[in-house]
């Protein structure tokens, strides 16, 4: 079962919403405010078939929020991160064109 069928991310002007319904586990949902984001990291997948991951850090908790780019709404969410200036656009282009590893901003 494809990740995009059970992991969903959406957003509005104030919040980001995550909702999951994994096939072999219990679903959950949560939300966070855009205004609380202090850092964004992007981890490039190992190959074309591996999922890229977005890690969102806020001033409300120590651990990050993970959002896979292959989630339903993941690509749109990444675009919004760039549009809001929460990740450097030039670095975003490098990541999209083959720069490997984990990259954070700021």
PDB file of N, CA and C in Angstrom:
ATOM      1  N   UNK A   1       0.841  -1.181   0.000  1.00  0.00           N
ATOM      2  CA  UNK A   1       0.000   0.000   0.000  1.00  0.00           C
ATOM      3  C   UNK A   1       0.888   1.248   0.000  1.00  0.00           C
ATOM      4  N   UNK A   2       0.611   2.146  -0.887  1.00  0.00           N
ATOM      5  CA  UNK A   2       1.384   3.376  -1.047  1.00  0.00           C
ATOM      6  C   UNK A   2       1.218   4.309   0.163  1.00  0.00           C
ATOM      7  N   UNK A   3       2.306   4.960   0.530  1.00  0.00           N
ATOM      8  CA  UNK A   3       2.292   5.895   1.657  1.00  0.00           C
ATOM      9  C   UNK A   3       1.229   6.977   1.483  1.00  0.00           C
ATOM     10  N   UNK A   4       1.045   7.440   0.271  1.00  0.00           N
ATOM     11  CA  UNK A   4       0.085   8.528   0.023  1.00  0.00           C
ATOM     12  C   UNK A   4      -1.368   8.114   0.255  1.00  0.00           C
ATOM     13  N   UNK A   5      -1.625   6.823   0.384  1.00  0.00           N
ATOM     14  CA  UNK A   5      -3.001   6.385   0.659  1.00  0.00           C
ATOM     15  C   UNK A   5      -3.332   6.429   2.144  1.00  0.00           C
ATOM     16  N   UNK A   6      -2.315   6.483   3.001  1.00  0.00           N
ATOM     17  CA  UNK A   6      -2.613   6.480   4.435  1.00  0.00           C
ATOM     18  C   UNK A   6      -1.941   7.597   5.247  1.00  0.00           C
ATOM     19  N   UNK A   7      -1.015   8.338   4.668  1.00  0.00           N
ATOM     20  CA  UNK A   7      -0.384   9.465   5.377  1.00  0.00           C
ATOM     21  C   UNK A   7      -0.772  10.741   4.635  1.00  0.00           C
ATOM     22  N   UNK A   8      -1.456  11.644   5.340  1.00  0.00           N
ATOM     23  CA  UNK A   8      -1.975  12.865   4.719  1.00  0.00           C
ATOM     24  C   UNK A   8      -1.456  14.093   5.465  1.00  0.00           C
ATOM     25  N   UNK A   9      -1.039  15.092   4.711  1.00  0.00           N
ATOM     26  CA  UNK A   9      -0.645  16.372   5.284  1.00  0.00           C
ATOM     27  C   UNK A   9      -1.387  17.473   4.530  1.00  0.00           C
ATOM     28  N   UNK A  10      -1.893  18.426   5.290  1.00  0.00           N
ATOM     29  CA  UNK A  10      -2.565  19.584   4.696  1.00  0.00           C
ATOM     30  C   UNK A  10      -2.231  20.796   5.558  1.00  0.00           C
ATOM     31  N   UNK A  11      -2.625  21.965   5.086  1.00  0.00           N
ATOM     32  CA  UNK A  11      -2.297  23.183   5.820  1.00  0.00           C
ATOM     33  C   UNK A  11      -3.257  24.288   5.420  1.00  0.00           C
ATOM     34  N   UNK A  12      -3.302  25.302   6.280  1.00  0.00           N
ATOM     35  CA  UNK A  12      -4.015  26.531   5.963  1.00  0.00           C
ATOM     36  C   UNK A  12      -3.089  27.684   6.356  1.00  0.00           C
ATOM     37  N   UNK A  13      -3.613  28.881   6.504  1.00  0.00           N
ATOM     38  CA  UNK A  13      -2.770  30.038   6.815  1.00  0.00           C
ATOM     39  C   UNK A  13      -2.103  29.954   8.185  1.00  0.00           C
ATOM     40  N   UNK A  14      -2.723  29.237   9.130  1.00  0.00           N
ATOM     41  CA  UNK A  14      -2.222  29.187  10.498  1.00  0.00           C
ATOM     42  C   UNK A  14      -1.580  27.870  10.904  1.00  0.00           C
ATOM     43  N   UNK A  15      -2.106  26.749  10.393  1.00  0.00           N
ATOM     44  CA  UNK A  15      -1.697  25.442  10.907  1.00  0.00           C
ATOM     45  C   UNK A  15      -1.334  24.446   9.811  1.00  0.00           C
ATOM     46  N   UNK A  16      -0.614  23.423  10.261  1.00  0.00           N
ATOM     47  CA  UNK A  16      -0.293  22.237   9.461  1.00  0.00           C
ATOM     48  C   UNK A  16      -1.003  21.072  10.134  1.00  0.00           C
ATOM     49  N   UNK A  17      -1.614  20.207   9.332  1.00  0.00           N
ATOM     50  CA  UNK A  17      -2.370  19.071   9.853  1.00  0.00           C
ATOM     51  C   UNK A  17      -1.790  17.774   9.305  1.00  0.00           C
ATOM     52  N   UNK A  18      -1.567  16.807  10.191  1.00  0.00           N
ATOM     53  CA  UNK A  18      -1.141  15.473   9.766  1.00  0.00           C
ATOM     54  C   UNK A  18      -2.185  14.462  10.228  1.00  0.00           C
ATOM     55  N   UNK A  19      -2.469  13.504   9.362  1.00  0.00           N
ATOM     56  CA  UNK A  19      -3.394  12.429   9.719  1.00  0.00           C
ATOM     57  C   UNK A  19      -2.917  11.144   9.060  1.00  0.00           C
ATOM     58  N   UNK A  20      -2.839  10.080   9.853  1.00  0.00           N
ATOM     59  CA  UNK A  20      -2.400   8.791   9.327  1.00  0.00           C
ATOM     60  C   UNK A  20      -3.418   7.706   9.647  1.00  0.00           C
ATOM     61  N   UNK A  21      -3.492   6.740   8.763  1.00  0.00           N
ATOM     62  CA  UNK A  21      -4.296   5.534   8.952  1.00  0.00           C
ATOM     63  C   UNK A  21      -3.521   4.364   8.361  1.00  0.00           C
ATOM     64  N   UNK A  22      -2.403   3.969   9.011  1.00  0.00           N
ATOM     65  CA  UNK A  22      -1.561   2.915   8.448  1.00  0.00           C
ATOM     66  C   UNK A  22      -2.300   1.580   8.370  1.00  0.00           C
ATOM     67  N   UNK A  23      -1.970   0.772   7.375  1.00  0.00           N
ATOM     68  CA  UNK A  23      -2.680  -0.489   7.178  1.00  0.00           C
ATOM     69  C   UNK A  23      -2.485  -1.492   8.315  1.00  0.00           C
ATOM     70  N   UNK A  24      -1.347  -1.441   8.997  1.00  0.00           N
ATOM     71  CA  UNK A  24      -1.068  -2.420  10.051  1.00  0.00           C
ATOM     72  C   UNK A  24      -0.881  -1.778  11.416  1.00  0.00           C
ATOM     73  N   UNK A  25      -1.542  -0.674  11.644  1.00  0.00           N
ATOM     74  CA  UNK A  25      -1.372  -0.005  12.922  1.00  0.00           C
ATOM     75  C   UNK A  25      -2.502   0.960  13.204  1.00  0.00           C
ATOM     76  N   UNK A  26      -2.387   1.604  14.337  1.00  0.00           N
ATOM     77  CA  UNK A  26      -3.411   2.546  14.758  1.00  0.00           C
ATOM     78  C   UNK A  26      -3.137   3.928  14.164  1.00  0.00           C
ATOM     79  N   UNK A  27      -4.157   4.550  13.647  1.00  0.00           N
ATOM     80  CA  UNK A  27      -4.025   5.880  13.070  1.00  0.00           C
ATOM     81  C   UNK A  27      -3.936   6.957  14.140  1.00  0.00           C
ATOM     82  N   UNK A  28      -3.493   8.118  13.747  1.00  0.00           N
ATOM     83  CA  UNK A  28      -3.415   9.271  14.640  1.00  0.00           C
ATOM     84  C   UNK A  28      -3.481  10.546  13.813  1.00  0.00           C
ATOM     85  N   UNK A  29      -3.698  11.653  14.491  1.00  0.00           N
ATOM     86  CA  UNK A  29      -3.643  12.955  13.826  1.00  0.00           C
ATOM     87  C   UNK A  29      -3.131  13.991  14.806  1.00  0.00           C
ATOM     88  N   UNK A  30      -2.511  15.026  14.262  1.00  0.00           N
ATOM     89  CA  UNK A  30      -2.039  16.138  15.071  1.00  0.00           C
ATOM     90  C   UNK A  30      -1.978  17.389  14.207  1.00  0.00           C
ATOM     91  N   UNK A  31      -1.602  18.477  14.823  1.00  0.00           N
ATOM     92  CA  UNK A  31      -1.494  19.752  14.110  1.00  0.00           C
ATOM     93  C   UNK A  31      -0.433  20.604  14.786  1.00  0.00           C
ATOM     94  N   UNK A  32       0.128  21.535  14.035  1.00  0.00           N
ATOM     95  CA  UNK A  32       1.085  22.477  14.578  1.00  0.00           C
ATOM     96  C   UNK A  32       0.922  23.811  13.872  1.00  0.00           C
ATOM     97  N   UNK A  33       1.368  24.858  14.544  1.00  0.00           N
ATOM     98  CA  UNK A  33       1.246  26.211  14.003  1.00  0.00           C
ATOM     99  C   UNK A  33       2.490  26.591  13.201  1.00  0.00           C
ATOM    100  N   UNK A  34       2.256  27.226  12.060  1.00  0.00           N
ATOM    101  CA  UNK A  34       3.366  27.748  11.253  1.00  0.00           C
ATOM    102  C   UNK A  34       4.253  28.667  12.089  1.00  0.00           C
ATOM    103  N   UNK A  35       3.645  29.515  12.915  1.00  0.00           N
ATOM    104  CA  UNK A  35       4.392  30.529  13.668  1.00  0.00           C
ATOM    105  C   UNK A  35       5.377  29.933  14.667  1.00  0.00           C
ATOM    106  N   UNK A  36       5.205  28.644  15.015  1.00  0.00           N
ATOM    107  CA  UNK A  36       6.086  28.002  15.986  1.00  0.00           C
ATOM    108  C   UNK A  36       7.302  27.324  15.359  1.00  0.00           C
ATOM    109  N   UNK A  37       7.384  27.313  14.033  1.00  0.00           N
ATOM    110  CA  UNK A  37       8.496  26.636  13.358  1.00  0.00           C
ATOM    111  C   UNK A  37       9.782  27.451  13.519  1.00  0.00           C
ATOM    112  N   UNK A  38      10.832  26.760  13.981  1.00  0.00           N
ATOM    113  CA  UNK A  38      12.124  27.418  14.171  1.00  0.00           C
ATOM    114  C   UNK A  38      13.211  26.857  13.255  1.00  0.00           C
ATOM    115  N   UNK A  39      12.978  25.669  12.700  1.00  0.00           N
ATOM    116  CA  UNK A  39      13.984  25.049  11.825  1.00  0.00           C
ATOM    117  C   UNK A  39      13.316  23.991  10.960  1.00  0.00           C
ATOM    118  N   UNK A  40      13.808  23.860   9.739  1.00  0.00           N
ATOM    119  CA  UNK A  40      13.315  22.838   8.818  1.00  0.00           C
ATOM    120  C   UNK A  40      14.519  22.087   8.256  1.00  0.00           C
ATOM    121  N   UNK A  41      14.437  20.762   8.264  1.00  0.00           N
ATOM    122  CA  UNK A  41      15.481  19.931   7.667  1.00  0.00           C
ATOM    123  C   UNK A  41      14.864  19.071   6.571  1.00  0.00           C
ATOM    124  N   UNK A  42      15.646  18.828   5.542  1.00  0.00           N
ATOM    125  CA  UNK A  42      15.210  17.990   4.423  1.00  0.00           C
ATOM    126  C   UNK A  42      16.230  16.882   4.257  1.00  0.00           C
ATOM    127  N   UNK A  43      15.775  15.636   4.355  1.00  0.00           N
ATOM    128  CA  UNK A  43      16.653  14.478   4.182  1.00  0.00           C
ATOM    129  C   UNK A  43      16.350  13.843   2.837  1.00  0.00           C
ATOM    130  N   UNK A  44      17.359  13.808   1.987  1.00  0.00           N
ATOM    131  CA  UNK A  44      17.215  13.232   0.653  1.00  0.00           C
ATOM    132  C   UNK A  44      17.236  11.709   0.767  1.00  0.00           C
ATOM    133  N   UNK A  45      16.287  11.052   0.091  1.00  0.00           N
ATOM    134  CA  UNK A  45      16.241   9.592   0.084  1.00  0.00           C
ATOM    135  C   UNK A  45      17.493   8.990  -0.541  1.00  0.00           C
ATOM    136  N   UNK A  46      17.765   7.744  -0.198  1.00  0.00           N
ATOM    137  CA  UNK A  46      18.975   7.059  -0.672  1.00  0.00           C
ATOM    138  C   UNK A  46      18.990   6.850  -2.185  1.00  0.00           C
ATOM    139  N   UNK A  47      17.813   6.647  -2.780  1.00  0.00           N
ATOM    140  CA  UNK A  47      17.720   6.454  -4.226  1.00  0.00           C
ATOM    141  C   UNK A  47      16.357   6.952  -4.704  1.00  0.00           C
ATOM    142  N   UNK A  48      16.063   6.763  -5.971  1.00  0.00           N
ATOM    143  CA  UNK A  48      14.800   7.264  -6.533  1.00  0.00           C
ATOM    144  C   UNK A  48      13.567   6.644  -5.901  1.00  0.00           C
ATOM    145  N   UNK A  49      13.726   5.454  -5.311  1.00  0.00           N
ATOM    146  CA  UNK A  49      12.584   4.753  -4.735  1.00  0.00           C
ATOM    147  C   UNK A  49      12.438   4.998  -3.239  1.00  0.00           C
ATOM    148  N   UNK A  50      13.428   5.649  -2.638  1.00  0.00           N
ATOM    149  CA  UNK A  50      13.388   5.952  -1.211  1.00  0.00           C
ATOM    150  C   UNK A  50      12.707   7.302  -1.004  1.00  0.00           C
ATOM    151  N   UNK A  51      12.010   7.419   0.077  1.00  0.00           N
ATOM    152  CA  UNK A  51      11.241   8.620   0.372  1.00  0.00           C
ATOM    153  C   UNK A  51      12.130   9.748   0.895  1.00  0.00           C
ATOM    154  N   UNK A  52      11.974  10.958   0.380  1.00  0.00           N
ATOM    155  CA  UNK A  52      12.588  12.139   0.986  1.00  0.00           C
ATOM    156  C   UNK A  52      11.750  12.503   2.206  1.00  0.00           C
ATOM    157  N   UNK A  53      12.392  13.108   3.204  1.00  0.00           N
ATOM    158  CA  UNK A  53      11.692  13.416   4.451  1.00  0.00           C
ATOM    159  C   UNK A  53      11.917  14.863   4.862  1.00  0.00           C
ATOM    160  N   UNK A  54      10.867  15.483   5.372  1.00  0.00           N
ATOM    161  CA  UNK A  54      10.923  16.847   5.892  1.00  0.00           C
ATOM    162  C   UNK A  54      10.782  16.761   7.407  1.00  0.00           C
ATOM    163  N   UNK A  55      11.720  17.381   8.123  1.00  0.00           N
ATOM    164  CA  UNK A  55      11.673  17.415   9.582  1.00  0.00           C
ATOM    165  C   UNK A  55      11.388  18.853  10.010  1.00  0.00           C
ATOM    166  N   UNK A  56      10.325  19.037  10.757  1.00  0.00           N
ATOM    167  CA  UNK A  56       9.911  20.358  11.219  1.00  0.00           C
ATOM    168  C   UNK A  56      10.199  20.472  12.714  1.00  0.00           C
ATOM    169  N   UNK A  57      10.973  21.466  13.098  1.00  0.00           N
ATOM    170  CA  UNK A  57      11.274  21.718  14.507  1.00  0.00           C
ATOM    171  C   UNK A  57      10.518  22.966  14.949  1.00  0.00           C
ATOM    172  N   UNK A  58       9.923  22.889  16.130  1.00  0.00           N
ATOM    173  CA  UNK A  58       9.177  24.028  16.668  1.00  0.00           C
ATOM    174  C   UNK A  58       9.734  24.422  18.032  1.00  0.00           C
ATOM    175  N   UNK A  59       9.271  25.559  18.513  1.00  0.00           N
ATOM    176  CA  UNK A  59       9.664  26.008  19.844  1.00  0.00           C
ATOM    177  C   UNK A  59       8.778  25.393  20.929  1.00  0.00           C
ATOM    178  N   UNK A  60       7.932  24.433  20.576  1.00  0.00           N
ATOM    179  CA  UNK A  60       6.997  23.828  21.526  1.00  0.00           C
ATOM    180  C   UNK A  60       7.419  22.459  22.030  1.00  0.00           C
ATOM    181  N   UNK A  61       8.353  21.796  21.314  1.00  0.00           N
ATOM    182  CA  UNK A  61       8.830  20.489  21.774  1.00  0.00           C
ATOM    183  C   UNK A  61      10.216  20.227  21.199  1.00  0.00           C
ATOM    184  N   UNK A  62      10.946  19.325  21.858  1.00  0.00           N
ATOM    185  CA  UNK A  62      12.316  19.040  21.441  1.00  0.00           C
ATOM    186  C   UNK A  62      12.387  18.223  20.160  1.00  0.00           C
ATOM    187  N   UNK A  63      11.535  17.206  20.051  1.00  0.00           N
ATOM    188  CA  UNK A  63      11.581  16.336  18.881  1.00  0.00           C
ATOM    189  C   UNK A  63      10.916  17.003  17.685  1.00  0.00           C
ATOM    190  N   UNK A  64      11.286  16.525  16.517  1.00  0.00           N
ATOM    191  CA  UNK A  64      10.747  17.103  15.285  1.00  0.00           C
ATOM    192  C   UNK A  64       9.463  16.407  14.863  1.00  0.00           C
ATOM    193  N   UNK A  65       8.780  17.033  13.921  1.00  0.00           N
ATOM    194  CA  UNK A  65       7.631  16.438  13.240  1.00  0.00           C
ATOM    195  C   UNK A  65       8.147  15.949  11.891  1.00  0.00           C
ATOM    196  N   UNK A  66       7.898  14.697  11.566  1.00  0.00           N
ATOM    197  CA  UNK A  66       8.343  14.123  10.297  1.00  0.00           C
ATOM    198  C   UNK A  66       7.200  14.137   9.291  1.00  0.00           C
ATOM    199  N   UNK A  67       7.498  14.638   8.095  1.00  0.00           N
ATOM    200  CA  UNK A  67       6.519  14.619   7.010  1.00  0.00           C
ATOM    201  C   UNK A  67       7.213  14.074   5.759  1.00  0.00           C
ATOM    202  N   UNK A  68       6.841  12.866   5.328  1.00  0.00           N
ATOM    203  CA  UNK A  68       7.421  12.309   4.104  1.00  0.00           C
ATOM    204  C   UNK A  68       6.919  13.078   2.881  1.00  0.00           C
ATOM    205  N   UNK A  69       7.793  13.314   1.930  1.00  0.00           N
ATOM    206  CA  UNK A  69       7.354  14.032   0.728  1.00  0.00           C
ATOM    207  C   UNK A  69       6.389  13.207  -0.107  1.00  0.00           C
ATOM    208  N   UNK A  70       6.414  11.884   0.053  1.00  0.00           N
ATOM    209  CA  UNK A  70       5.494  11.026  -0.700  1.00  0.00           C
ATOM    210  C   UNK A  70       4.119  10.911  -0.047  1.00  0.00           C
ATOM    211  N   UNK A  71       3.935  11.561   1.099  1.00  0.00           N
ATOM    212  CA  UNK A  71       2.614  11.589   1.728  1.00  0.00           C
ATOM    213  C   UNK A  71       1.653  12.361   0.833  1.00  0.00           C
ATOM    214  N   UNK A  72       0.385  12.082   0.959  1.00  0.00           N
ATOM    215  CA  UNK A  72      -0.637  12.857   0.253  1.00  0.00           C
ATOM    216  C   UNK A  72      -0.513  14.310   0.707  1.00  0.00           C
ATOM    217  N   UNK A  73      -0.235  15.217  -0.191  1.00  0.00           N
ATOM    218  CA  UNK A  73      -0.041  16.626   0.142  1.00  0.00           C
ATOM    219  C   UNK A  73       1.400  16.998   0.451  1.00  0.00           C
ATOM    220  N   UNK A  74       2.309  16.023   0.423  1.00  0.00           N
ATOM    221  CA  UNK A  74       3.710  16.274   0.776  1.00  0.00           C
ATOM    222  C   UNK A  74       4.415  17.252  -0.148  1.00  0.00           C
ATOM    223  N   UNK A  75       4.221  17.109  -1.443  1.00  0.00           N
ATOM    224  CA  UNK A  75       4.871  18.013  -2.406  1.00  0.00           C
ATOM    225  C   UNK A  75       4.347  19.437  -2.256  1.00  0.00           C
ATOM    226  N   UNK A  76       3.053  19.575  -2.059  1.00  0.00           N
ATOM    227  CA  UNK A  76       2.451  20.900  -1.867  1.00  0.00           C
ATOM    228  C   UNK A  76       2.958  21.536  -0.571  1.00  0.00           C
ATOM    229  N   UNK A  77       3.099  20.711   0.455  1.00  0.00           N
ATOM    230  CA  UNK A  77       3.609  21.195   1.732  1.00  0.00           C
ATOM    231  C   UNK A  77       5.042  21.710   1.575  1.00  0.00           C
ATOM    232  N   UNK A  78       5.889  20.968   0.856  1.00  0.00           N
ATOM    233  CA  UNK A  78       7.271  21.402   0.636  1.00  0.00           C
ATOM    234  C   UNK A  78       7.301  22.737  -0.107  1.00  0.00           C
ATOM    235  N   UNK A  79       6.454  22.890  -1.101  1.00  0.00           N
ATOM    236  CA  UNK A  79       6.364  24.158  -1.820  1.00  0.00           C
ATOM    237  C   UNK A  79       5.984  25.310  -0.906  1.00  0.00           C
ATOM    238  N   UNK A  80       5.088  25.047   0.025  1.00  0.00           N
ATOM    239  CA  UNK A  80       4.664  26.086   0.977  1.00  0.00           C
ATOM    240  C   UNK A  80       5.797  26.451   1.933  1.00  0.00           C
ATOM    241  N   UNK A  81       6.579  25.466   2.342  1.00  0.00           N
ATOM    242  CA  UNK A  81       7.754  25.724   3.194  1.00  0.00           C
ATOM    243  C   UNK A  81       8.691  26.709   2.488  1.00  0.00           C
ATOM    244  N   UNK A  82       8.957  26.462   1.213  1.00  0.00           N
ATOM    245  CA  UNK A  82       9.829  27.346   0.426  1.00  0.00           C
ATOM    246  C   UNK A  82       9.183  28.724   0.271  1.00  0.00           C
ATOM    247  N   UNK A  83       7.902  28.761  -0.079  1.00  0.00           N
ATOM    248  CA  UNK A  83       7.199  30.034  -0.279  1.00  0.00           C
ATOM    249  C   UNK A  83       7.198  30.896   0.978  1.00  0.00           C
ATOM    250  N   UNK A  84       7.126  30.266   2.137  1.00  0.00           N
ATOM    251  CA  UNK A  84       7.105  31.009   3.402  1.00  0.00           C
ATOM    252  C   UNK A  84       8.504  31.397   3.884  1.00  0.00           C
ATOM    253  N   UNK A  85       9.536  31.005   3.149  1.00  0.00           N
ATOM    254  CA  UNK A  85      10.904  31.341   3.533  1.00  0.00           C
ATOM    255  C   UNK A  85      11.421  30.544   4.721  1.00  0.00           C
ATOM    256  N   UNK A  86      10.814  29.388   4.991  1.00  0.00           N
ATOM    257  CA  UNK A  86      11.240  28.559   6.112  1.00  0.00           C
ATOM    258  C   UNK A  86      12.395  27.628   5.747  1.00  0.00           C
ATOM    259  N   UNK A  87      12.725  27.569   4.465  1.00  0.00           N
ATOM    260  CA  UNK A  87      13.881  26.819   3.966  1.00  0.00           C
ATOM    261  C   UNK A  87      14.416  27.619   2.788  1.00  0.00           C
ATOM    262  N   UNK A  88      15.729  27.742   2.712  1.00  0.00           N
ATOM    263  CA  UNK A  88      16.351  28.538   1.656  1.00  0.00           C
ATOM    264  C   UNK A  88      15.995  27.998   0.271  1.00  0.00           C
ATOM    265  N   UNK A  89      15.495  28.854  -0.602  1.00  0.00           N
ATOM    266  CA  UNK A  89      15.056  28.436  -1.939  1.00  0.00           C
ATOM    267  C   UNK A  89      16.216  27.893  -2.772  1.00  0.00           C
ATOM    268  N   UNK A  90      17.385  28.524  -2.704  1.00  0.00           N
ATOM    269  CA  UNK A  90      18.542  28.034  -3.475  1.00  0.00           C
ATOM    270  C   UNK A  90      18.975  26.656  -3.005  1.00  0.00           C
ATOM    271  N   UNK A  91      18.997  26.455  -1.692  1.00  0.00           N
ATOM    272  CA  UNK A  91      19.329  25.144  -1.150  1.00  0.00           C
ATOM    273  C   UNK A  91      18.255  24.134  -1.542  1.00  0.00           C
ATOM    274  N   UNK A  92      16.999  24.560  -1.562  1.00  0.00           N
ATOM    275  CA  UNK A  92      15.900  23.698  -1.994  1.00  0.00           C
ATOM    276  C   UNK A  92      16.084  23.216  -3.423  1.00  0.00           C
ATOM    277  N   UNK A  93      16.569  24.089  -4.288  1.00  0.00           N
ATOM    278  CA  UNK A  93      16.829  23.706  -5.686  1.00  0.00           C
ATOM    279  C   UNK A  93      17.963  22.690  -5.748  1.00  0.00           C
ATOM    280  N   UNK A  94      19.023  22.916  -4.975  1.00  0.00           N
ATOM    281  CA  UNK A  94      20.143  21.972  -4.960  1.00  0.00           C
ATOM    282  C   UNK A  94      19.698  20.599  -4.463  1.00  0.00           C
ATOM    283  N   UNK A  95      18.872  20.595  -3.431  1.00  0.00           N
ATOM    284  CA  UNK A  95      18.353  19.337  -2.890  1.00  0.00           C
ATOM    285  C   UNK A  95      17.516  18.620  -3.945  1.00  0.00           C
ATOM    286  N   UNK A  96      16.706  19.369  -4.671  1.00  0.00           N
ATOM    287  CA  UNK A  96      15.828  18.778  -5.692  1.00  0.00           C
ATOM    288  C   UNK A  96      16.602  18.259  -6.900  1.00  0.00           C
ATOM    289  N   UNK A  97      17.810  18.762  -7.097  1.00  0.00           N
ATOM    290  CA  UNK A  97      18.576  18.357  -8.284  1.00  0.00           C
ATOM    291  C   UNK A  97      19.745  17.438  -7.953  1.00  0.00           C
ATOM    292  N   UNK A  98      19.688  16.788  -6.806  1.00  0.00           N
ATOM    293  CA  UNK A  98      20.653  15.733  -6.559  1.00  0.00           C
ATOM    294  C   UNK A  98      21.596  15.883  -5.386  1.00  0.00           C
ATOM    295  N   UNK A  99      21.534  16.974  -4.637  1.00  0.00           N
ATOM    296  CA  UNK A  99      22.382  17.120  -3.461  1.00  0.00           C
ATOM    297  C   UNK A  99      21.943  16.087  -2.427  1.00  0.00           C
ATOM    298  N   UNK A 100      22.862  15.264  -1.960  1.00  0.00           N
ATOM    299  CA  UNK A 100      22.525  14.172  -1.051  1.00  0.00           C
ATOM    300  C   UNK A 100      22.638  14.593   0.403  1.00  0.00           C
ATOM    301  N   UNK A 101      22.034  13.806   1.296  1.00  0.00           N
ATOM    302  CA  UNK A 101      22.199  13.986   2.723  1.00  0.00           C
ATOM    303  C   UNK A 101      21.068  14.731   3.402  1.00  0.00           C
ATOM    304  N   UNK A 102      21.385  15.228   4.598  1.00  0.00           N
ATOM    305  CA  UNK A 102      20.440  15.972   5.427  1.00  0.00           C
ATOM    306  C   UNK A 102      20.834  17.441   5.395  1.00  0.00           C
ATOM    307  N   UNK A 103      19.870  18.319   5.113  1.00  0.00           N
ATOM    308  CA  UNK A 103      20.129  19.756   4.993  1.00  0.00           C
ATOM    309  C   UNK A 103      19.104  20.513   5.822  1.00  0.00           C
ATOM    310  N   UNK A 104      19.595  21.465   6.632  1.00  0.00           N
ATOM    311  CA  UNK A 104      18.712  22.200   7.540  1.00  0.00           C
ATOM    312  C   UNK A 104      18.796  23.696   7.296  1.00  0.00           C
ATOM    313  N   UNK A 105      17.700  24.385   7.645  1.00  0.00           N
ATOM    314  CA  UNK A 105      17.627  25.837   7.542  1.00  0.00           C
ATOM    315  C   UNK A 105      16.799  26.365   8.691  1.00  0.00           C
ATOM    316  N   UNK A 106      17.136  27.395   9.365  1.00  0.00           N
ATOM    317  CA  UNK A 106      18.497  27.925   9.445  1.00  0.00           C
ATOM    318  C   UNK A 106      19.364  27.017  10.283  1.00  0.00           C
TER     319      UNK A 106
END
